[in-house]
Amino acid sequence: MDRTTQLTARPTARRTVHHDLGLAGTAVYDPVDPLDPVRQAESLHARAARVLDTNWTGTSTVPSRSLYPHQWSWDSAFIAIGLRHLSPLRAQTELETLLGAQWGDGRIPHIVFNPSVPLDAYFPSPDFWRSSTAGRTAGAPRTVQTSGIVQPPVHALAVWLVHSADPGLSRSRSFLSRMYPRLAAWHRYLLHRRDLGGGGLASVVHPWEQGMDNAPSWDAPLSRVTPAPARSFRRADLDHGAAEDRPTDLDYGRYVRLAADYRDGGYADGGAADGGHGGGGRLGSGVGGRMGSVGGGGGGFAVEDPSFNALLIASEHALARIARELGATGTARHARAERLTAALVERLWDPAQGMFFCRNVRTDEPIPERGVSGLVPLILPTLPRETAATLVRTLRGPHFGLGDTTRLVPSYDLTGHAFDPHRYWRGPAWFNTNWLVERGLRLHGELSVAAGLRGALLETADTSGFAEYVDPYTGEACGALGFSWTAALTLDLLHETPRTPQGPDAAHGTTEELSTTEKFGEGALGGDLR
């Protein structure tokens, strides 16, 4: 794997930001400069809404009309969270369309393909995944084409927030009662079929599943994978993005090989539900065969990731609230979320380094790369107090530099050997991960740090044209412009009304802040609906 020379760029001068005082004395970014008549003409809220209108297809929202012309799983969850402020009905439809493509084994595919889009507009296209045939045993739908891998489980969080935006509409459409069985099946799939390490956490079997496609955390596990020949595929992404900002051809060849082997194995997994316990699965070997055991021969990819599992835990808290809304007591789901939090800390937390790290299931060893994934567990309401405090120190220290050298949280360690402020997930700042970190900071009482990050997010969304990702030092736009989750999460931040946690439930994340409370759970909630 090639190594990118460490860059030493430093922040450039920043444009003046206008503030007023919001609730609890926090600074709130004012996106309209009163001295600029052009910017006055259309507010940040209106421009964010226009991005979502432009990218709306009638049943779902594409991340980007040019680069990503289909429906993506975790994109749609984040998009729905923002859409609820414009149209709760559209937000419900967004999630219904995605979950309508769920497989029989419970997985929610990472792409739902639009049949009207030409095959050569995006790779890997439907004819690569062959979901309706290769995925038949796993219960792939016959009427819609999808990919065969998954993305992070943000969906229950989104469903609960969308319901809360208009409970009357939700109840009239039986939205929660229709979504809950699908979400429960999705979580069962992850907790049983994807417990490849046997320690209770879900594993990803492809870098694309974790969402941070070319993060340096994948370099070591991917090094065992023989790349597919370059002549066997064509990268459509390079038609719309600069090659120096995208994953390398070597990385892409390995992605293709892993996906092809997983497809050729019938998209079968190796968790307990398939007769194994951390082994026995048929993960792609990367050498043209099947991995008979996670710990055995071959070169398969299986990683326990802190962000993926933290989002699963947060979604268990959301399912507990949905269960209560549907009339169940909810204790089972809350207890499960508690057990998963304990497993996350036990398996992935390194107190000496002040970070959560990925674990390579193949070798049963941590992957010593600091990435934003290791900060996302801040979203967990019952994360141990000292663990949360240590994560905040790491976030503000030299590795991520928030509030000092960087305006947003970078995706990778600023001092790391592979840091590049422009190359996809190897350094740039992304809006969805920063939005999660902002919520986590607020949840754990770091209100001033959260307010600063919120202001920087709104300013950068504004000045970057709702970019897909940005240089963490300067805010320079990278990737696609008019990116849907950037616009959607901007709307959510603009509608945020933060308040200080008070009372005995504060330690469990119960606050008077609507968005934080409803996303990440509340004290003793649970659910008996399974």
Protein backbone atom coordinates (compact mmCIF):
# COMPACT_ATOMS: atom_id res chain seq x y z
CA MET A 1 0.00 0.00 0.00
CA ASP A 2 1.40 3.37 -0.96
CA ARG A 3 2.25 5.87 1.81
CA THR A 4 1.26 9.50 1.44
CA THR A 5 3.88 11.95 2.61
CA GLN A 6 2.80 13.63 5.81
CA LEU A 7 1.66 17.15 5.08
CA THR A 8 2.41 20.10 7.28
CA ALA A 9 -0.23 22.57 6.17
CA ARG A 10 -1.54 24.95 8.79
CA PRO A 11 -4.79 26.89 9.01
CA THR A 12 -5.22 29.93 6.82
CA ALA A 13 -6.87 33.13 7.94
CA ARG A 14 -10.56 32.66 8.54
CA ARG A 15 -13.47 34.82 7.51
CA THR A 16 -15.12 36.72 10.34
CA VAL A 17 -18.04 34.85 11.87
CA HIS A 18 -21.06 36.75 13.20
CA HIS A 19 -22.64 35.36 16.37
CA ASP A 20 -25.48 36.02 18.69
CA LEU A 21 -26.25 34.38 22.01
CA GLY A 22 -28.50 31.34 22.00
CA LEU A 23 -30.04 29.36 24.81
CA ALA A 24 -27.87 28.73 27.86
CA GLY A 25 -25.51 31.46 26.66
CA THR A 26 -24.02 29.37 23.84
CA ALA A 27 -22.72 31.03 20.70
CA VAL A 28 -24.90 30.40 17.67
CA TYR A 29 -23.53 30.93 14.19
CA ASP A 30 -25.49 33.44 12.13
CA PRO A 31 -25.21 32.18 8.54
CA VAL A 32 -26.39 35.42 6.92
CA ASP A 33 -23.78 38.17 6.81
CA PRO A 34 -25.79 41.42 7.18
CA LEU A 35 -23.16 43.29 5.15
CA ASP A 36 -23.44 41.00 2.13
CA PRO A 37 -26.65 41.62 0.11
CA VAL A 38 -26.07 38.57 -2.11
CA ARG A 39 -25.83 36.23 0.86
CA GLN A 40 -28.78 37.98 2.49
CA ALA A 41 -30.96 37.09 -0.47
CA GLU A 42 -31.06 33.39 0.41
CA SER A 43 -30.43 32.00 3.87
CA LEU A 44 -28.32 28.98 4.64
CA HIS A 45 -31.52 27.13 5.56
CA ALA A 46 -33.06 27.85 2.16
CA ARG A 47 -29.92 26.81 0.28
CA ALA A 48 -29.66 23.56 2.24
CA ALA A 49 -33.30 22.82 1.46
CA ARG A 50 -32.63 23.50 -2.22
CA VAL A 51 -29.82 20.91 -2.25
CA LEU A 52 -32.20 18.28 -0.90
CA ASP A 53 -34.90 19.26 -3.38
CA THR A 54 -32.41 19.00 -6.25
CA ASN A 55 -31.27 15.55 -5.16
CA TRP A 56 -34.76 14.16 -4.47
CA THR A 57 -35.89 11.46 -6.93
CA GLY A 58 -39.51 11.16 -5.83
CA THR A 59 -38.95 8.22 -3.48
CA SER A 60 -35.45 8.84 -2.09
CA THR A 61 -32.52 11.25 -2.17
CA VAL A 62 -29.25 10.65 -4.00
CA PRO A 63 -26.09 11.76 -2.17
CA SER A 64 -24.93 13.55 -5.32
CA ARG A 65 -26.51 13.67 -8.77
CA SER A 66 -23.19 13.07 -10.53
CA LEU A 67 -20.94 10.99 -8.29
CA TYR A 68 -23.49 8.89 -6.39
CA PRO A 69 -26.67 8.53 -8.51
CA HIS A 70 -28.41 5.83 -6.42
CA GLN A 71 -29.69 5.50 -2.84
CA TRP A 72 -27.06 4.87 -0.15
CA SER A 73 -27.98 3.34 3.20
CA TRP A 74 -26.40 5.50 5.89
CA ASP A 75 -26.67 8.56 3.67
CA SER A 76 -30.43 8.14 3.63
CA ALA A 77 -30.55 7.85 7.41
CA PHE A 78 -28.67 11.13 7.84
CA ILE A 79 -30.69 12.74 5.05
CA ALA A 80 -33.97 11.76 6.74
CA ILE A 81 -32.80 13.39 9.98
CA GLY A 82 -32.51 16.69 8.11
CA LEU A 83 -35.55 16.18 5.88
CA ARG A 84 -37.82 15.87 8.91
CA HIS A 85 -37.46 19.63 9.38
CA LEU A 86 -38.74 20.27 5.84
CA SER A 87 -41.21 17.44 5.28
CA PRO A 88 -41.74 14.61 7.77
CA LEU A 89 -43.61 12.74 5.04
CA ARG A 90 -40.63 12.89 2.68
CA ALA A 91 -38.36 11.79 5.52
CA GLN A 92 -40.60 8.80 6.21
CA THR A 93 -40.67 7.94 2.50
CA GLU A 94 -36.86 8.10 2.37
CA LEU A 95 -36.55 5.45 5.05
CA GLU A 96 -39.45 3.35 3.76
CA THR A 97 -37.81 3.15 0.32
CA LEU A 98 -34.52 2.01 1.81
CA LEU A 99 -35.99 -0.56 4.20
CA GLY A 100 -38.24 -1.81 1.41
CA ALA A 101 -35.07 -3.27 -0.16
CA GLN A 102 -34.11 -5.21 2.99
CA TRP A 103 -32.99 -8.81 2.51
CA GLY A 104 -34.68 -11.81 4.08
CA ASP A 105 -31.76 -12.40 6.45
CA GLY A 106 -32.26 -8.88 7.85
CA ARG A 107 -29.40 -7.00 6.19
CA ILE A 108 -30.05 -3.53 4.80
CA PRO A 109 -27.95 -3.23 1.63
CA HIS A 110 -25.59 -0.31 1.29
CA ILE A 111 -26.92 0.65 -2.16
CA VAL A 112 -30.43 0.45 -3.61
CA PHE A 113 -30.06 0.88 -7.37
CA ASN A 114 -32.25 3.11 -9.52
CA PRO A 115 -33.03 1.11 -12.68
CA SER A 116 -33.29 4.27 -14.76
CA VAL A 117 -29.60 5.11 -14.19
CA PRO A 118 -27.25 3.70 -16.89
CA LEU A 119 -25.03 0.84 -15.73
CA ASP A 120 -21.85 2.71 -16.59
CA ALA A 121 -22.79 5.71 -14.40
CA TYR A 122 -21.51 4.03 -11.25
CA PHE A 123 -19.25 1.10 -10.42
CA PRO A 124 -19.82 -1.43 -8.94
CA SER A 125 -23.13 -1.50 -10.77
CA PRO A 126 -26.05 -3.94 -10.35
CA ASP A 127 -24.56 -6.38 -12.84
CA PHE A 128 -21.51 -6.71 -10.58
CA TRP A 129 -23.44 -7.43 -7.37
CA ARG A 130 -26.05 -9.75 -9.01
CA SER A 131 -28.10 -9.50 -5.83
CA SER A 132 -31.24 -11.27 -7.05
CA THR A 133 -29.24 -14.35 -8.07
CA ALA A 134 -26.08 -14.45 -5.93
CA GLY A 135 -28.08 -13.29 -2.90
CA ARG A 136 -31.04 -15.61 -3.36
CA THR A 137 -30.14 -17.86 -0.42
CA ALA A 138 -29.74 -14.83 1.83
CA GLY A 139 -33.17 -13.54 0.80
CA ALA A 140 -32.25 -10.72 -1.55
CA PRO A 141 -35.35 -9.04 -3.04
CA ARG A 142 -36.31 -10.03 -6.57
CA THR A 143 -37.97 -6.79 -7.62
CA VAL A 144 -35.14 -4.37 -6.86
CA GLN A 145 -31.41 -4.59 -7.42
CA THR A 146 -29.08 -3.84 -4.51
CA SER A 147 -25.51 -4.33 -3.39
CA GLY A 148 -24.77 -7.24 -1.04
CA ILE A 149 -22.85 -5.48 1.72
CA VAL A 150 -24.12 -3.13 4.44
CA GLN A 151 -23.35 0.25 6.02
CA PRO A 152 -23.45 1.56 9.60
CA PRO A 153 -26.77 1.06 11.42
CA VAL A 154 -27.96 4.65 11.86
CA HIS A 155 -31.47 3.75 10.79
CA ALA A 156 -33.28 3.30 14.10
CA LEU A 157 -31.96 6.69 15.21
CA ALA A 158 -33.36 8.23 12.05
CA VAL A 159 -36.72 6.46 12.35
CA TRP A 160 -37.22 7.68 15.90
CA LEU A 161 -36.26 11.28 15.07
CA VAL A 162 -38.50 11.33 12.00
CA HIS A 163 -41.41 10.02 14.08
CA SER A 164 -40.77 12.68 16.73
CA ALA A 165 -40.89 15.46 14.13
CA ASP A 166 -44.61 14.78 13.55
CA PRO A 167 -45.99 12.03 15.83
CA GLY A 168 -49.52 12.55 14.54
CA LEU A 169 -48.52 11.91 10.94
CA SER A 170 -46.37 8.96 12.00
CA ARG A 171 -49.21 7.33 13.93
CA SER A 172 -51.73 7.95 11.16
CA ARG A 173 -49.42 6.12 8.74
CA SER A 174 -48.42 3.39 11.25
CA PHE A 175 -44.85 4.40 10.53
CA LEU A 176 -43.24 2.98 13.68
CA SER A 177 -45.21 -0.26 13.67
CA ARG A 178 -44.16 -0.88 10.06
CA MET A 179 -40.52 0.07 10.60
CA TYR A 180 -39.91 -1.66 13.92
CA PRO A 181 -39.94 -5.30 12.70
CA ARG A 182 -37.51 -4.40 9.92
CA LEU A 183 -35.17 -2.59 12.28
CA ALA A 184 -35.30 -5.45 14.78
CA ALA A 185 -34.42 -7.93 12.01
CA TRP A 186 -31.53 -5.68 10.93
CA HIS A 187 -30.09 -5.64 14.43
CA ARG A 188 -30.53 -9.42 14.79
CA TYR A 189 -28.55 -9.89 11.60
CA LEU A 190 -25.67 -7.76 12.88
CA LEU A 191 -25.63 -9.18 16.40
CA HIS A 192 -25.80 -12.84 15.36
CA ARG A 193 -24.51 -13.35 11.83
CA ARG A 194 -21.82 -10.69 12.11
CA ASP A 195 -20.42 -11.55 15.56
CA LEU A 196 -17.36 -13.00 13.83
CA GLY A 197 -15.02 -12.39 16.74
CA GLY A 198 -17.25 -14.08 19.29
CA GLY A 199 -17.09 -11.13 21.71
CA GLY A 200 -20.54 -9.69 21.08
CA LEU A 201 -19.58 -6.94 18.61
CA ALA A 202 -20.52 -6.80 14.94
CA SER A 203 -17.76 -7.13 12.33
CA VAL A 204 -17.53 -5.50 8.92
CA VAL A 205 -16.35 -7.69 6.06
CA HIS A 206 -15.51 -4.90 3.62
CA PRO A 207 -14.14 -1.36 4.13
CA TRP A 208 -17.19 0.07 2.38
CA GLU A 209 -19.41 -1.38 5.10
CA GLN A 210 -17.90 0.82 7.78
CA GLY A 211 -18.50 3.88 5.59
CA MET A 212 -14.96 5.28 5.85
CA ASP A 213 -13.82 3.55 2.71
CA ASN A 214 -10.05 4.11 2.51
CA ALA A 215 -9.26 4.94 6.15
CA PRO A 216 -5.69 3.97 7.13
CA SER A 217 -7.16 1.52 9.66
CA TRP A 218 -7.86 -0.78 6.72
CA ASP A 219 -4.31 -0.76 5.32
CA ALA A 220 -3.02 -3.71 7.36
CA PRO A 221 -6.06 -5.98 6.91
CA LEU A 222 -6.24 -5.13 3.21
CA SER A 223 -2.55 -5.88 2.67
CA ARG A 224 -3.42 -9.61 2.71
CA VAL A 225 -5.91 -9.20 -0.13
CA THR A 226 -4.77 -9.77 -3.71
CA PRO A 227 -6.27 -6.94 -5.80
CA ALA A 228 -8.52 -7.64 -8.75
CA PRO A 229 -6.75 -6.92 -12.08
CA ALA A 230 -7.12 -3.28 -13.11
CA ARG A 231 -8.47 -4.37 -16.49
CA SER A 232 -11.40 -6.15 -14.81
CA PHE A 233 -13.22 -2.95 -13.76
CA ARG A 234 -13.59 0.71 -14.67
CA ARG A 235 -13.70 3.38 -11.97
CA ALA A 236 -16.59 5.71 -12.76
CA ASP A 237 -15.77 7.81 -9.68
CA LEU A 238 -12.74 9.30 -11.43
CA ASP A 239 -15.05 10.85 -14.03
CA HIS A 240 -16.37 13.18 -11.33
CA GLY A 241 -13.56 13.56 -8.79
CA ALA A 242 -9.84 14.29 -8.79
CA ALA A 243 -7.74 11.13 -8.60
CA GLU A 244 -5.56 12.63 -5.86
CA ASP A 245 -8.66 13.02 -3.66
CA ARG A 246 -9.96 9.49 -4.18
CA PRO A 247 -8.83 6.00 -3.08
CA THR A 248 -5.86 4.65 -5.05
CA ASP A 249 -6.20 2.08 -7.84
CA LEU A 250 -4.48 -0.47 -5.59
CA ASP A 251 -7.07 0.08 -2.86
CA TYR A 252 -9.89 -0.12 -5.36
CA GLY A 253 -8.60 -3.38 -6.76
CA ARG A 254 -8.70 -4.86 -3.27
CA TYR A 255 -12.20 -3.54 -2.67
CA VAL A 256 -13.37 -5.20 -5.87
CA ARG A 257 -11.73 -8.52 -5.01
CA LEU A 258 -13.30 -8.62 -1.54
CA ALA A 259 -16.75 -7.78 -2.90
CA ALA A 260 -16.50 -10.32 -5.73
CA ASP A 261 -15.44 -13.11 -3.38
CA TYR A 262 -18.23 -12.28 -0.94
CA ARG A 263 -20.70 -12.33 -3.84
CA ASP A 264 -19.35 -15.61 -5.16
CA GLY A 265 -19.80 -17.11 -1.70
CA GLY A 266 -23.51 -16.29 -1.81
CA TYR A 267 -23.09 -13.35 0.61
CA ALA A 268 -22.85 -15.86 3.46
CA ASP A 269 -21.45 -14.78 6.83
CA GLY A 270 -19.76 -16.67 9.64
CA GLY A 271 -21.59 -15.70 12.81
CA ALA A 272 -23.33 -17.96 15.29
CA ALA A 273 -26.52 -17.99 13.23
CA ASP A 274 -24.62 -19.71 10.41
CA GLY A 275 -23.35 -22.44 12.69
CA GLY A 276 -20.06 -20.77 13.66
CA HIS A 277 -18.86 -18.66 16.53
CA GLY A 278 -16.40 -16.18 15.16
CA GLY A 279 -15.42 -18.61 12.44
CA GLY A 280 -16.74 -20.92 9.78
CA GLY A 281 -17.90 -18.06 7.59
CA ARG A 282 -17.30 -17.64 3.91
CA LEU A 283 -15.79 -14.21 3.84
CA GLY A 284 -13.96 -13.31 0.67
CA SER A 285 -10.40 -14.61 0.85
CA GLY A 286 -8.95 -12.04 -1.51
CA VAL A 287 -7.11 -14.90 -3.22
CA GLY A 288 -9.99 -16.36 -5.17
CA GLY A 289 -11.22 -18.73 -2.47
CA ARG A 290 -13.25 -18.75 0.71
CA MET A 291 -12.05 -18.14 4.20
CA GLY A 292 -12.96 -21.26 6.11
CA SER A 293 -12.27 -19.60 9.45
CA VAL A 294 -11.74 -16.06 10.59
CA GLY A 295 -8.61 -17.20 12.35
CA GLY A 296 -7.52 -19.71 9.74
CA GLY A 297 -5.87 -19.54 6.36
CA GLY A 298 -6.62 -17.17 3.54
CA GLY A 299 -6.65 -13.41 3.50
CA GLY A 300 -10.19 -12.48 4.48
CA PHE A 301 -11.22 -9.11 5.87
CA ALA A 302 -13.10 -8.97 9.17
CA VAL A 303 -12.80 -5.99 11.52
CA GLU A 304 -14.61 -4.85 14.67
CA ASP A 305 -14.96 -1.10 14.32
CA PRO A 306 -15.79 1.32 17.17
CA SER A 307 -17.96 3.70 15.14
CA PHE A 308 -20.03 0.95 13.52
CA ASN A 309 -20.70 -0.66 16.89
CA ALA A 310 -21.33 2.63 18.68
CA LEU A 311 -24.02 3.45 16.12
CA LEU A 312 -25.51 -0.01 16.62
CA ILE A 313 -25.65 0.62 20.39
CA ALA A 314 -27.19 4.06 19.91
CA SER A 315 -29.74 2.48 17.62
CA GLU A 316 -30.59 -0.08 20.31
CA HIS A 317 -31.40 2.86 22.59
CA ALA A 318 -33.60 4.29 19.82
CA LEU A 319 -35.34 0.94 19.36
CA ALA A 320 -36.05 0.95 23.09
CA ARG A 321 -37.88 4.26 22.71
CA ILE A 322 -39.76 2.96 19.67
CA ALA A 323 -40.74 -0.14 21.63
CA ARG A 324 -42.11 2.01 24.44
CA GLU A 325 -44.06 4.12 21.97
CA LEU A 326 -45.60 0.90 20.63
CA GLY A 327 -46.66 -0.20 24.11
CA ALA A 328 -43.86 -2.50 25.26
CA THR A 329 -41.94 -2.08 28.52
CA GLY A 330 -38.62 -2.00 26.76
CA THR A 331 -36.21 -3.47 29.30
CA ALA A 332 -34.62 -6.06 27.01
CA ARG A 333 -33.31 -3.60 24.44
CA HIS A 334 -31.89 -1.25 27.00
CA ALA A 335 -30.11 -4.15 28.71
CA ARG A 336 -28.70 -5.24 25.37
CA ALA A 337 -27.36 -1.75 24.72
CA GLU A 338 -25.68 -1.80 28.13
CA ARG A 339 -24.02 -5.16 27.40
CA LEU A 340 -22.81 -3.94 24.02
CA THR A 341 -21.35 -0.79 25.56
CA ALA A 342 -19.42 -2.92 28.04
CA ALA A 343 -18.16 -5.16 25.21
CA LEU A 344 -17.10 -2.12 23.17
CA VAL A 345 -15.04 -0.77 26.06
CA GLU A 346 -13.57 -4.17 26.89
CA ARG A 347 -12.54 -5.07 23.34
CA LEU A 348 -11.73 -1.76 21.63
CA TRP A 349 -10.78 0.82 24.29
CA ASP A 350 -7.10 1.61 24.94
CA PRO A 351 -6.87 3.80 28.07
CA ALA A 352 -3.16 4.45 27.59
CA GLN A 353 -3.73 5.91 24.11
CA GLY A 354 -7.04 7.56 25.01
CA MET A 355 -8.78 6.07 21.96
CA PHE A 356 -11.02 3.33 20.72
CA PHE A 357 -9.21 1.29 18.06
CA CYS A 358 -10.40 -1.16 15.42
CA ARG A 359 -9.67 -4.84 16.07
CA ASN A 360 -8.55 -7.14 13.26
CA VAL A 361 -10.62 -10.28 13.81
CA ARG A 362 -8.26 -12.26 11.60
CA THR A 363 -5.35 -11.71 14.01
CA ASP A 364 -7.33 -10.78 17.16
CA GLU A 365 -5.14 -7.70 17.53
CA PRO A 366 -5.94 -3.98 17.64
CA ILE A 367 -5.14 -1.86 14.60
CA PRO A 368 -2.97 1.03 15.91
CA GLU A 369 -4.34 3.82 13.70
CA ARG A 370 -6.10 6.82 15.23
CA GLY A 371 -9.19 7.76 13.25
CA VAL A 372 -12.41 9.63 13.86
CA SER A 373 -14.12 6.26 14.22
CA GLY A 374 -12.43 5.99 17.61
CA LEU A 375 -14.10 9.22 18.77
CA VAL A 376 -17.67 8.41 17.69
CA PRO A 377 -18.43 6.35 20.85
CA LEU A 378 -18.91 9.74 22.53
CA ILE A 379 -22.51 9.40 21.32
CA LEU A 380 -23.15 6.64 23.89
CA PRO A 381 -25.16 7.83 26.89
CA THR A 382 -23.68 5.38 29.39
CA LEU A 383 -20.06 5.51 28.29
CA PRO A 384 -17.96 5.55 31.51
CA ARG A 385 -17.36 9.11 32.64
CA GLU A 386 -13.56 8.85 32.61
CA THR A 387 -13.61 7.25 29.15
CA ALA A 388 -15.67 10.13 27.78
CA ALA A 389 -13.40 12.72 29.43
CA THR A 390 -10.32 11.04 27.99
CA LEU A 391 -11.85 11.02 24.50
CA VAL A 392 -12.48 14.75 24.74
CA ARG A 393 -8.84 15.34 25.70
CA THR A 394 -7.75 13.26 22.71
CA LEU A 395 -10.10 15.18 20.44
CA ARG A 396 -8.57 18.51 21.51
CA GLY A 397 -4.99 17.25 21.59
CA PRO A 398 -2.33 17.11 18.86
CA HIS A 399 -3.79 14.11 17.02
CA PHE A 400 -7.06 15.85 16.06
CA GLY A 401 -6.42 19.46 17.10
CA LEU A 402 -10.04 20.55 17.49
CA GLY A 403 -10.25 24.16 18.59
CA ASP A 404 -6.52 24.66 18.07
CA THR A 405 -5.12 23.71 14.67
CA THR A 406 -8.29 22.40 12.99
CA ARG A 407 -11.73 23.92 12.51
CA LEU A 408 -13.40 20.50 12.15
CA VAL A 409 -12.49 17.03 13.36
CA PRO A 410 -10.24 15.35 10.76
CA SER A 411 -10.97 11.79 9.73
CA TYR A 412 -7.45 10.67 10.60
CA ASP A 413 -4.60 11.49 12.98
CA LEU A 414 -2.91 14.79 12.02
CA THR A 415 0.45 13.31 13.02
CA GLY A 416 -0.15 9.96 11.34
CA HIS A 417 2.07 8.55 8.61
CA ALA A 418 -0.79 8.46 6.08
CA PHE A 419 -2.38 11.84 6.80
CA ASP A 420 -3.53 13.74 3.70
CA PRO A 421 -5.98 16.62 4.17
CA HIS A 422 -7.62 16.01 0.79
CA ARG A 423 -7.68 12.25 0.21
CA TYR A 424 -11.13 10.95 1.10
CA TRP A 425 -11.05 9.29 4.57
CA ARG A 426 -7.31 9.73 5.16
CA GLY A 427 -7.50 13.19 6.72
CA PRO A 428 -10.36 15.38 5.44
CA ALA A 429 -13.20 16.36 7.74
CA TRP A 430 -16.64 14.92 7.02
CA PHE A 431 -19.91 16.46 8.11
CA ASN A 432 -21.63 13.31 9.35
CA THR A 433 -18.81 12.29 11.69
CA ASN A 434 -18.44 15.86 12.97
CA TRP A 435 -22.20 15.99 13.55
CA LEU A 436 -21.95 12.80 15.62
CA VAL A 437 -19.00 14.14 17.62
CA GLU A 438 -20.86 17.42 18.25
CA ARG A 439 -23.81 15.47 19.64
CA GLY A 440 -21.50 13.37 21.78
CA LEU A 441 -19.80 16.44 23.21
CA ARG A 442 -23.13 17.97 24.11
CA LEU A 443 -24.37 14.70 25.58
CA HIS A 444 -21.42 14.53 27.96
CA GLY A 445 -21.66 18.15 29.06
CA GLU A 446 -18.89 19.65 26.89
CA LEU A 447 -21.19 22.46 25.81
CA SER A 448 -18.62 25.10 24.90
CA VAL A 449 -16.59 22.69 22.76
CA ALA A 450 -19.80 21.48 21.11
CA ALA A 451 -20.92 25.05 20.40
CA GLY A 452 -17.61 25.86 18.75
CA LEU A 453 -17.81 22.76 16.58
CA ARG A 454 -21.42 23.51 15.67
CA GLY A 455 -20.48 27.02 14.57
CA ALA A 456 -17.58 25.72 12.49
CA LEU A 457 -19.83 23.12 10.84
CA LEU A 458 -22.41 25.71 9.83
CA GLU A 459 -19.78 28.14 8.58
CA THR A 460 -18.01 25.46 6.57
CA ALA A 461 -21.21 24.08 5.06
CA ASP A 462 -22.03 27.63 4.02
CA THR A 463 -18.68 28.58 2.49
CA SER A 464 -17.94 25.19 0.90
CA GLY A 465 -21.18 24.87 -1.04
CA PHE A 466 -22.29 21.90 1.09
CA ALA A 467 -19.20 19.94 0.11
CA GLU A 468 -18.92 16.19 0.54
CA TYR A 469 -15.82 16.68 2.72
CA VAL A 470 -13.29 19.45 3.39
CA ASP A 471 -9.71 20.19 4.33
CA PRO A 472 -9.81 20.12 8.16
CA TYR A 473 -7.43 23.07 8.43
CA THR A 474 -8.88 25.48 5.89
CA GLY A 475 -12.39 24.24 5.13
CA GLU A 476 -11.53 24.00 1.43
CA ALA A 477 -14.18 22.00 -0.43
CA CYS A 478 -13.31 18.51 -1.65
CA GLY A 479 -15.33 15.85 -3.46
CA ALA A 480 -18.86 16.54 -4.66
CA LEU A 481 -20.63 19.84 -4.01
CA GLY A 482 -24.29 20.05 -3.10
CA PHE A 483 -23.87 16.88 -1.03
CA SER A 484 -27.09 15.70 0.55
CA TRP A 485 -26.06 14.67 4.04
CA THR A 486 -24.08 17.90 4.43
CA ALA A 487 -27.20 19.90 3.59
CA ALA A 488 -29.45 17.69 5.75
CA LEU A 489 -27.26 17.85 8.84
CA THR A 490 -26.89 21.61 8.36
CA LEU A 491 -30.67 21.82 8.66
CA ASP A 492 -30.59 19.72 11.80
CA LEU A 493 -27.97 21.97 13.38
CA LEU A 494 -29.95 25.06 12.46
CA HIS A 495 -33.03 23.63 14.20
CA GLU A 496 -31.08 22.57 17.28
CA THR A 497 -32.09 24.15 20.62
CA PRO A 498 -29.42 23.02 23.10
CA ARG A 499 -29.94 23.20 26.84
CA THR A 500 -27.76 22.26 29.76
CA PRO A 501 -28.26 18.71 31.17
CA GLN A 502 -29.87 18.85 34.59
CA GLY A 503 -31.19 16.42 37.17
CA PRO A 504 -30.47 12.78 37.98
CA ASP A 505 -30.83 11.56 34.40
CA ALA A 506 -28.09 13.82 33.03
CA ALA A 507 -25.44 11.12 33.42
CA HIS A 508 -27.48 8.91 31.09
CA GLY A 509 -27.76 11.52 28.39
CA THR A 510 -31.24 12.74 29.31
CA THR A 511 -31.27 16.44 28.44
CA GLU A 512 -33.85 18.94 27.39
CA GLU A 513 -32.27 19.03 23.96
CA LEU A 514 -34.69 17.32 21.61
CA SER A 515 -32.20 16.08 19.03
CA THR A 516 -29.60 14.71 21.44
CA THR A 517 -32.03 13.05 23.81
CA GLU A 518 -33.99 11.33 21.10
CA LYS A 519 -30.94 10.17 19.20
CA PHE A 520 -28.90 8.57 21.86
CA GLY A 521 -31.24 7.11 24.41
CA GLU A 522 -32.53 7.96 27.80
CA GLY A 523 -31.64 6.42 31.13
CA ALA A 524 -33.75 3.38 31.89
CA LEU A 525 -35.55 2.95 28.59
CA GLY A 526 -35.64 -0.41 26.94
CA GLY A 527 -37.92 -2.63 24.92
CA ASP A 528 -39.34 -6.12 24.93
CA LEU A 529 -40.18 -6.06 21.23
CA ARG A 530 -37.48 -8.17 19.67
